Amino acid sequence: MNIVLFEPEIPQNTGNIARTCVVTGSRLHLIEPMGFRINEKQVKRAGLDYWDLLDLEIHRDFGAFEEKYAGNTFYFMSTKGDKFYSDIKFEENDFIIFGKESAGLPQEIHEKYSENRFRIPMVKNEKARSLNLSNSVAIVLYESLRQRGFNNLG
């Protein structure tokens, strides 16, 4: 699977997600600009000593990412999604895209990919707006792995 973080802001989240990608054999894509440098101590600490095992791509912006992977299937996780992530029928090389922690995905992405927006079910509460990003990635990634029989995982 491919996990994509759109302009991530919190280094600890990215480190945790990197670790999850390593243990699931998933590729991590980071779309710039980021709210930190990838070599910052907090990112390294959260990812433990897994960084040299990570399949990582960094993209200068969403347009560069989109151009490189045109023709692939993109699923966007958003609190604005109309469908649940469990409605997706994942294939091995799909891309699961998550927005930045403070603002999610920009409006132009919502408009362009409105049919491919999904959400994790949560209670409606304006003060509790969403799950932590690394938890959200884990939930959706493991659903994709479950659907495919946890291929290559022991």
C-alpha atoms as a PDB file:
ATOM      1  CA  MET A   1       0.000   0.000   0.000  1.00  0.00           C
ATOM      2  CA  ASN A   2       0.920   3.626  -0.355  1.00  0.00           C
ATOM      3  CA  ILE A   3       0.316   6.039   2.519  1.00  0.00           C
ATOM      4  CA  VAL A   4       0.412   9.706   1.560  1.00  0.00           C
ATOM      5  CA  LEU A   5       0.663  12.577   4.034  1.00  0.00           C
ATOM      6  CA  PHE A   6      -0.321  15.934   2.560  1.00  0.00           C
ATOM      7  CA  GLU A   7       1.852  18.654   4.144  1.00  0.00           C
ATOM      8  CA  PRO A   8       2.285  16.936   7.533  1.00  0.00           C
ATOM      9  CA  GLU A   9       2.893  19.298  10.441  1.00  0.00           C
ATOM     10  CA  ILE A  10       3.621  17.243  13.557  1.00  0.00           C
ATOM     11  CA  PRO A  11       6.921  15.344  13.533  1.00  0.00           C
ATOM     12  CA  GLN A  12       5.832  12.714  16.055  1.00  0.00           C
ATOM     13  CA  ASN A  13       2.846  11.738  13.905  1.00  0.00           C
ATOM     14  CA  THR A  14       5.037  11.306  10.846  1.00  0.00           C
ATOM     15  CA  GLY A  15       7.539   9.243  12.846  1.00  0.00           C
ATOM     16  CA  ASN A  16       4.796   6.957  14.151  1.00  0.00           C
ATOM     17  CA  ILE A  17       3.337   6.583  10.660  1.00  0.00           C
ATOM     18  CA  ALA A  18       6.782   5.793   9.252  1.00  0.00           C
ATOM     19  CA  ARG A  19       7.142   2.994  11.791  1.00  0.00           C
ATOM     20  CA  THR A  20       3.694   1.636  10.870  1.00  0.00           C
ATOM     21  CA  CYS A  21       4.646   1.702   7.184  1.00  0.00           C
ATOM     22  CA  VAL A  22       7.837  -0.255   7.858  1.00  0.00           C
ATOM     23  CA  VAL A  23       6.110  -3.051   9.785  1.00  0.00           C
ATOM     24  CA  THR A  24       3.364  -3.370   7.150  1.00  0.00           C
ATOM     25  CA  GLY A  25       5.619  -3.151   4.096  1.00  0.00           C
ATOM     26  CA  SER A  26       3.929   0.048   2.937  1.00  0.00           C
ATOM     27  CA  ARG A  27       5.491   2.985   1.117  1.00  0.00           C
ATOM     28  CA  LEU A  28       5.251   6.423   2.744  1.00  0.00           C
ATOM     29  CA  HIS A  29       4.866   9.516   0.562  1.00  0.00           C
ATOM     30  CA  LEU A  30       5.337  12.955   2.104  1.00  0.00           C
ATOM     31  CA  ILE A  31       4.062  15.993   0.227  1.00  0.00           C
ATOM     32  CA  GLU A  32       5.853  19.251   0.909  1.00  0.00           C
ATOM     33  CA  PRO A  33       5.890  21.700   2.462  1.00  0.00           C
ATOM     34  CA  MET A  34       6.156  19.976   5.815  1.00  0.00           C
ATOM     35  CA  GLY A  35       6.002  21.620   9.226  1.00  0.00           C
ATOM     36  CA  PHE A  36       9.385  20.114  10.183  1.00  0.00           C
ATOM     37  CA  ARG A  37      12.576  18.741   8.706  1.00  0.00           C
ATOM     38  CA  ILE A  38      12.642  14.989   8.216  1.00  0.00           C
ATOM     39  CA  ASN A  39      15.882  14.711  10.182  1.00  0.00           C
ATOM     40  CA  GLU A  40      14.511  16.412  13.313  1.00  0.00           C
ATOM     41  CA  LYS A  41      14.995  14.594  16.583  1.00  0.00           C
ATOM     42  CA  GLN A  42      11.243  14.206  17.265  1.00  0.00           C
ATOM     43  CA  VAL A  43      10.670  12.523  13.899  1.00  0.00           C
ATOM     44  CA  LYS A  44      13.611  10.184  14.355  1.00  0.00           C
ATOM     45  CA  ARG A  45      12.623   9.319  17.923  1.00  0.00           C
ATOM     46  CA  ALA A  46       9.013   8.508  17.016  1.00  0.00           C
ATOM     47  CA  GLY A  47      10.180   6.261  14.173  1.00  0.00           C
ATOM     48  CA  LEU A  48      12.745   4.564  16.414  1.00  0.00           C
ATOM     49  CA  ASP A  49      15.529   2.932  14.442  1.00  0.00           C
ATOM     50  CA  TYR A  50      13.230   2.044  11.543  1.00  0.00           C
ATOM     51  CA  TRP A  51      14.144   4.942   9.239  1.00  0.00           C
ATOM     52  CA  ASP A  52      16.719   2.992   7.236  1.00  0.00           C
ATOM     53  CA  LEU A  53      14.027   0.336   6.579  1.00  0.00           C
ATOM     54  CA  LEU A  54      11.407   2.821   5.348  1.00  0.00           C
ATOM     55  CA  ASP A  55      10.338   2.970   1.699  1.00  0.00           C
ATOM     56  CA  LEU A  56       9.998   6.769   1.494  1.00  0.00           C
ATOM     57  CA  GLU A  57       9.256   9.257  -1.272  1.00  0.00           C
ATOM     58  CA  ILE A  58       9.119  13.010  -0.800  1.00  0.00           C
ATOM     59  CA  HIS A  59       7.214  15.116  -3.344  1.00  0.00           C
ATOM     60  CA  ARG A  60       7.723  18.875  -3.777  1.00  0.00           C
ATOM     61  CA  ASP A  61       3.940  19.472  -3.946  1.00  0.00           C
ATOM     62  CA  PHE A  62       0.654  17.713  -4.629  1.00  0.00           C
ATOM     63  CA  GLY A  63       0.832  18.450  -8.353  1.00  0.00           C
ATOM     64  CA  ALA A  64       4.184  16.657  -8.673  1.00  0.00           C
ATOM     65  CA  PHE A  65       2.823  13.664  -6.756  1.00  0.00           C
ATOM     66  CA  GLU A  66      -0.382  13.603  -8.809  1.00  0.00           C
ATOM     67  CA  GLU A  67       1.549  13.790 -12.089  1.00  0.00           C
ATOM     68  CA  LYS A  68       3.945  10.981 -11.139  1.00  0.00           C
ATOM     69  CA  TYR A  69       1.126   8.628 -10.129  1.00  0.00           C
ATOM     70  CA  ALA A  70      -1.545   9.628 -12.644  1.00  0.00           C
ATOM     71  CA  GLY A  71      -3.746   6.671 -13.472  1.00  0.00           C
ATOM     72  CA  ASN A  72      -3.465   5.130 -10.002  1.00  0.00           C
ATOM     73  CA  THR A  73      -6.342   4.995  -7.536  1.00  0.00           C
ATOM     74  CA  PHE A  74      -6.350   7.694  -4.862  1.00  0.00           C
ATOM     75  CA  TYR A  75      -8.520   7.493  -1.742  1.00  0.00           C
ATOM     76  CA  PHE A  76      -8.762  10.633   0.378  1.00  0.00           C
ATOM     77  CA  MET A  77      -9.488  10.339   4.089  1.00  0.00           C
ATOM     78  CA  SER A  78     -11.404  13.302   5.411  1.00  0.00           C
ATOM     79  CA  THR A  79     -13.942  14.160   8.073  1.00  0.00           C
ATOM     80  CA  LYS A  80     -15.865  15.615   5.090  1.00  0.00           C
ATOM     81  CA  GLY A  81     -16.152  12.239   3.364  1.00  0.00           C
ATOM     82  CA  ASP A  82     -19.643  10.902   2.670  1.00  0.00           C
ATOM     83  CA  LYS A  83     -18.670   7.223   2.726  1.00  0.00           C
ATOM     84  CA  PHE A  84     -16.847   5.080   5.284  1.00  0.00           C
ATOM     85  CA  TYR A  85     -13.320   3.795   4.691  1.00  0.00           C
ATOM     86  CA  SER A  86     -14.703   0.262   5.092  1.00  0.00           C
ATOM     87  CA  ASP A  87     -16.668   0.796   1.837  1.00  0.00           C
ATOM     88  CA  ILE A  88     -13.419   0.853  -0.153  1.00  0.00           C
ATOM     89  CA  LYS A  89     -12.340  -2.305  -1.991  1.00  0.00           C
ATOM     90  CA  PHE A  90      -8.576  -1.870  -1.715  1.00  0.00           C
ATOM     91  CA  GLU A  91      -6.086  -3.098  -4.283  1.00  0.00           C
ATOM     92  CA  GLU A  92      -2.392  -3.635  -3.582  1.00  0.00           C
ATOM     93  CA  ASN A  93      -0.996  -0.423  -5.077  1.00  0.00           C
ATOM     94  CA  ASP A  94      -3.707   2.042  -4.082  1.00  0.00           C
ATOM     95  CA  PHE A  95      -2.861   5.382  -2.487  1.00  0.00           C
ATOM     96  CA  ILE A  96      -4.483   6.405   0.798  1.00  0.00           C
ATOM     97  CA  ILE A  97      -4.108  10.156   1.259  1.00  0.00           C
ATOM     98  CA  PHE A  98      -4.434  12.027   4.560  1.00  0.00           C
ATOM     99  CA  GLY A  99      -4.567  15.807   5.019  1.00  0.00           C
ATOM    100  CA  LYS A 100      -2.478  17.945   7.319  1.00  0.00           C
ATOM    101  CA  GLU A 101      -3.278  17.870  11.006  1.00  0.00           C
ATOM    102  CA  SER A 102      -4.533  21.444  11.406  1.00  0.00           C
ATOM    103  CA  ALA A 103      -6.582  21.889   8.237  1.00  0.00           C
ATOM    104  CA  GLY A 104      -7.035  18.590   6.406  1.00  0.00           C
ATOM    105  CA  LEU A 105      -7.055  18.698   2.630  1.00  0.00           C
ATOM    106  CA  PRO A 106      -7.474  21.896   0.577  1.00  0.00           C
ATOM    107  CA  GLN A 107     -10.799  22.707  -1.068  1.00  0.00           C
ATOM    108  CA  GLU A 108      -9.479  22.150  -4.609  1.00  0.00           C
ATOM    109  CA  ILE A 109      -8.633  18.526  -3.759  1.00  0.00           C
ATOM    110  CA  HIS A 110     -12.066  18.047  -2.184  1.00  0.00           C
ATOM    111  CA  GLU A 111     -13.689  19.358  -5.354  1.00  0.00           C
ATOM    112  CA  LYS A 112     -11.549  17.402  -7.797  1.00  0.00           C
ATOM    113  CA  TYR A 113     -11.825  14.088  -5.935  1.00  0.00           C
ATOM    114  CA  SER A 114     -15.254  14.417  -4.324  1.00  0.00           C
ATOM    115  CA  GLU A 115     -16.198  10.822  -5.248  1.00  0.00           C
ATOM    116  CA  ASN A 116     -13.076   9.419  -3.581  1.00  0.00           C
ATOM    117  CA  ARG A 117     -13.481  10.980  -0.125  1.00  0.00           C
ATOM    118  CA  PHE A 118     -13.971   8.637   2.803  1.00  0.00           C
ATOM    119  CA  ARG A 119     -14.112   9.003   6.551  1.00  0.00           C
ATOM    120  CA  ILE A 120     -13.666   7.080   9.756  1.00  0.00           C
ATOM    121  CA  PRO A 121     -16.961   7.049  11.694  1.00  0.00           C
ATOM    122  CA  MET A 122     -16.929   9.188  14.829  1.00  0.00           C
ATOM    123  CA  VAL A 123     -19.472  10.806  17.126  1.00  0.00           C
ATOM    124  CA  LYS A 124     -20.521  14.285  16.047  1.00  0.00           C
ATOM    125  CA  ASN A 125     -18.934  16.797  18.404  1.00  0.00           C
ATOM    126  CA  GLU A 126     -17.560  20.187  17.379  1.00  0.00           C
ATOM    127  CA  LYS A 127     -14.888  20.062  20.105  1.00  0.00           C
ATOM    128  CA  ALA A 128     -13.708  16.522  19.262  1.00  0.00           C
ATOM    129  CA  ARG A 129     -13.232  16.992  15.522  1.00  0.00           C
ATOM    130  CA  SER A 130     -11.052  14.067  14.515  1.00  0.00           C
ATOM    131  CA  LEU A 131      -8.729  11.261  15.511  1.00  0.00           C
ATOM    132  CA  ASN A 132      -4.978  11.639  15.731  1.00  0.00           C
ATOM    133  CA  LEU A 133      -3.398  11.335  12.284  1.00  0.00           C
ATOM    134  CA  SER A 134      -1.209   8.339  13.125  1.00  0.00           C
ATOM    135  CA  ASN A 135      -4.221   6.497  14.591  1.00  0.00           C
ATOM    136  CA  SER A 136      -6.260   7.258  11.466  1.00  0.00           C
ATOM    137  CA  VAL A 137      -3.519   5.934   9.198  1.00  0.00           C
ATOM    138  CA  ALA A 138      -3.268   2.728  11.232  1.00  0.00           C
ATOM    139  CA  ILE A 139      -7.028   2.123  11.157  1.00  0.00           C
ATOM    140  CA  VAL A 140      -7.371   2.514   7.397  1.00  0.00           C
ATOM    141  CA  LEU A 141      -4.093   0.821   6.484  1.00  0.00           C
ATOM    142  CA  TYR A 142      -4.914  -2.269   8.526  1.00  0.00           C
ATOM    143  CA  GLU A 143      -8.362  -2.460   6.927  1.00  0.00           C
ATOM    144  CA  SER A 144      -6.690  -2.488   3.509  1.00  0.00           C
ATOM    145  CA  LEU A 145      -4.328  -5.237   4.676  1.00  0.00           C
ATOM    146  CA  ARG A 146      -7.191  -7.259   6.178  1.00  0.00           C
ATOM    147  CA  GLN A 147      -9.122  -7.101   2.915  1.00  0.00           C
ATOM    148  CA  ARG A 148      -6.137  -8.535   1.074  1.00  0.00           C
ATOM    149  CA  GLY A 149      -5.609 -11.355   3.585  1.00  0.00           C
ATOM    150  CA  PHE A 150      -2.651  -9.723   5.347  1.00  0.00           C
ATOM    151  CA  ASN A 151      -0.468 -10.777   2.400  1.00  0.00           C
ATOM    152  CA  ASN A 152       3.208 -11.140   3.327  1.00  0.00           C
ATOM    153  CA  LEU A 153       2.574 -10.350   6.993  1.00  0.00           C
ATOM    154  CA  GLY A 154       3.273 -12.918   9.673  1.00  0.00           C
END
